[in-house]
Amino acid sequence: MDRDDCSAKFWLQPVSLARNLGFPAHELRTIRGIVESNHSALLEAWHGYFGA
């Protein structure tokens, strides 16, 4: 996730924060919730693009 001068990266298996550059904790919790809510679709898209 990138916004303005902030960037965050989450691993998908298991869902965990890999890197954060500038996002405050409350926004990271929101982003993590979005990742968790869309976990299946994100994994499917990842495998569809990069292969299994």
N, C-alpha and C. Protein backbone atom coordinates (compact mmCIF):
# COMPACT_ATOMS: atom_id res chain seq x y z
N MET A 1 0.86 -1.17 0.00
CA MET A 1 0.00 0.00 0.00
C MET A 1 0.90 1.22 0.00
N ASP A 2 0.68 2.11 -0.91
CA ASP A 2 1.42 3.36 -0.98
C ASP A 2 0.43 4.53 -0.99
N ARG A 3 0.77 5.55 -0.22
CA ARG A 3 -0.03 6.77 -0.19
C ARG A 3 0.89 7.92 0.20
N ASP A 4 0.88 8.95 -0.59
CA ASP A 4 1.74 10.11 -0.33
C ASP A 4 3.17 9.62 -0.10
N ASP A 5 3.74 9.91 1.05
CA ASP A 5 5.10 9.46 1.37
C ASP A 5 5.11 8.22 2.25
N CYS A 6 3.97 7.54 2.38
CA CYS A 6 3.85 6.35 3.23
C CYS A 6 3.81 5.09 2.37
N SER A 7 4.34 4.02 2.92
CA SER A 7 4.33 2.73 2.22
C SER A 7 4.27 1.61 3.25
N ALA A 8 3.49 0.58 2.95
CA ALA A 8 3.42 -0.59 3.82
C ALA A 8 3.32 -1.83 2.94
N LYS A 9 3.94 -2.91 3.40
CA LYS A 9 3.89 -4.19 2.70
C LYS A 9 3.44 -5.25 3.70
N PHE A 10 2.49 -6.07 3.26
CA PHE A 10 2.00 -7.17 4.08
C PHE A 10 2.28 -8.49 3.39
N TRP A 11 2.72 -9.49 4.15
CA TRP A 11 2.80 -10.86 3.66
C TRP A 11 1.39 -11.42 3.70
N LEU A 12 1.10 -12.34 2.78
CA LEU A 12 -0.24 -12.93 2.71
C LEU A 12 -0.35 -14.24 3.46
N GLN A 13 0.74 -14.97 3.64
CA GLN A 13 0.67 -16.26 4.34
C GLN A 13 1.80 -16.38 5.36
N PRO A 14 1.52 -16.26 6.61
CA PRO A 14 0.28 -15.72 7.19
C PRO A 14 0.27 -14.20 7.03
N VAL A 15 -0.90 -13.62 7.17
CA VAL A 15 -1.01 -12.16 7.05
C VAL A 15 -0.19 -11.53 8.17
N SER A 16 0.80 -10.74 7.75
CA SER A 16 1.65 -10.06 8.73
C SER A 16 2.32 -8.87 8.05
N LEU A 17 2.65 -7.89 8.85
CA LEU A 17 3.30 -6.69 8.34
C LEU A 17 4.76 -7.00 8.03
N ALA A 18 5.16 -6.75 6.80
CA ALA A 18 6.55 -6.96 6.39
C ALA A 18 7.36 -5.68 6.55
N ARG A 19 6.74 -4.52 6.23
CA ARG A 19 7.45 -3.25 6.26
C ARG A 19 6.45 -2.11 6.40
N ASN A 20 6.83 -1.10 7.13
CA ASN A 20 6.03 0.11 7.25
C ASN A 20 6.94 1.32 7.19
N LEU A 21 6.62 2.21 6.30
CA LEU A 21 7.35 3.47 6.19
C LEU A 21 6.35 4.63 6.28
N GLY A 22 6.03 5.02 7.50
CA GLY A 22 5.25 6.23 7.70
C GLY A 22 3.80 6.11 8.10
N PHE A 23 3.18 4.94 7.95
CA PHE A 23 1.78 4.82 8.35
C PHE A 23 1.67 4.74 9.87
N PRO A 24 0.75 5.49 10.47
CA PRO A 24 0.53 5.37 11.92
C PRO A 24 -0.17 4.04 12.23
N ALA A 25 -0.05 3.61 13.47
CA ALA A 25 -0.58 2.31 13.90
C ALA A 25 -2.06 2.14 13.59
N HIS A 26 -2.88 3.16 13.79
CA HIS A 26 -4.32 3.00 13.55
C HIS A 26 -4.61 2.75 12.07
N GLU A 27 -3.85 3.33 11.18
CA GLU A 27 -4.05 3.08 9.76
C GLU A 27 -3.56 1.69 9.37
N LEU A 28 -2.47 1.23 9.99
CA LEU A 28 -1.99 -0.12 9.73
C LEU A 28 -3.02 -1.16 10.14
N ARG A 29 -3.71 -0.92 11.26
CA ARG A 29 -4.77 -1.84 11.69
C ARG A 29 -5.89 -1.88 10.65
N THR A 30 -6.24 -0.74 10.10
CA THR A 30 -7.28 -0.69 9.07
C THR A 30 -6.84 -1.42 7.81
N ILE A 31 -5.61 -1.18 7.37
CA ILE A 31 -5.08 -1.83 6.18
C ILE A 31 -5.02 -3.35 6.39
N ARG A 32 -4.54 -3.77 7.56
CA ARG A 32 -4.46 -5.20 7.86
C ARG A 32 -5.86 -5.83 7.81
N GLY A 33 -6.86 -5.14 8.33
CA GLY A 33 -8.23 -5.63 8.28
C GLY A 33 -8.72 -5.81 6.85
N ILE A 34 -8.35 -4.89 5.98
CA ILE A 34 -8.72 -4.99 4.56
C ILE A 34 -8.04 -6.19 3.93
N VAL A 35 -6.76 -6.38 4.23
CA VAL A 35 -6.02 -7.53 3.70
C VAL A 35 -6.66 -8.83 4.20
N GLU A 36 -6.96 -8.90 5.49
CA GLU A 36 -7.57 -10.11 6.04
C GLU A 36 -8.95 -10.37 5.45
N SER A 37 -9.74 -9.33 5.25
CA SER A 37 -11.09 -9.49 4.70
C SER A 37 -11.07 -9.95 3.25
N ASN A 38 -10.00 -9.63 2.55
CA ASN A 38 -9.89 -9.98 1.13
C ASN A 38 -8.80 -11.02 0.87
N HIS A 39 -8.42 -11.74 1.91
CA HIS A 39 -7.30 -12.68 1.84
C HIS A 39 -7.44 -13.68 0.69
N SER A 40 -8.56 -14.33 0.56
CA SER A 40 -8.75 -15.34 -0.48
C SER A 40 -8.62 -14.74 -1.88
N ALA A 41 -9.25 -13.61 -2.10
CA ALA A 41 -9.19 -12.96 -3.41
C ALA A 41 -7.77 -12.49 -3.72
N LEU A 42 -7.06 -11.98 -2.72
CA LEU A 42 -5.68 -11.54 -2.94
C LEU A 42 -4.77 -12.71 -3.29
N LEU A 43 -4.92 -13.83 -2.57
CA LEU A 43 -4.12 -15.02 -2.87
C LEU A 43 -4.43 -15.56 -4.26
N GLU A 44 -5.70 -15.59 -4.61
CA GLU A 44 -6.09 -16.06 -5.93
C GLU A 44 -5.49 -15.19 -7.02
N ALA A 45 -5.54 -13.88 -6.84
CA ALA A 45 -4.96 -12.96 -7.83
C ALA A 45 -3.44 -13.12 -7.90
N TRP A 46 -2.80 -13.30 -6.75
CA TRP A 46 -1.35 -13.49 -6.71
C TRP A 46 -0.95 -14.74 -7.49
N HIS A 47 -1.64 -15.86 -7.20
CA HIS A 47 -1.32 -17.11 -7.89
C HIS A 47 -1.68 -17.04 -9.37
N GLY A 48 -2.74 -16.32 -9.70
CA GLY A 48 -3.10 -16.15 -11.10
C GLY A 48 -2.06 -15.37 -11.89
N TYR A 49 -1.44 -14.42 -11.23
CA TYR A 49 -0.45 -13.57 -11.90
C TYR A 49 0.94 -14.23 -11.92
N PHE A 50 1.35 -14.77 -10.76
CA PHE A 50 2.71 -15.30 -10.64
C PHE A 50 2.78 -16.82 -10.79
N GLY A 51 1.63 -17.48 -10.76
CA GLY A 51 1.62 -18.94 -10.82
C GLY A 51 1.69 -19.52 -9.42
N ALA A 52 1.34 -20.78 -9.29
CA ALA A 52 1.29 -21.42 -7.98
C ALA A 52 2.58 -21.93 -7.57
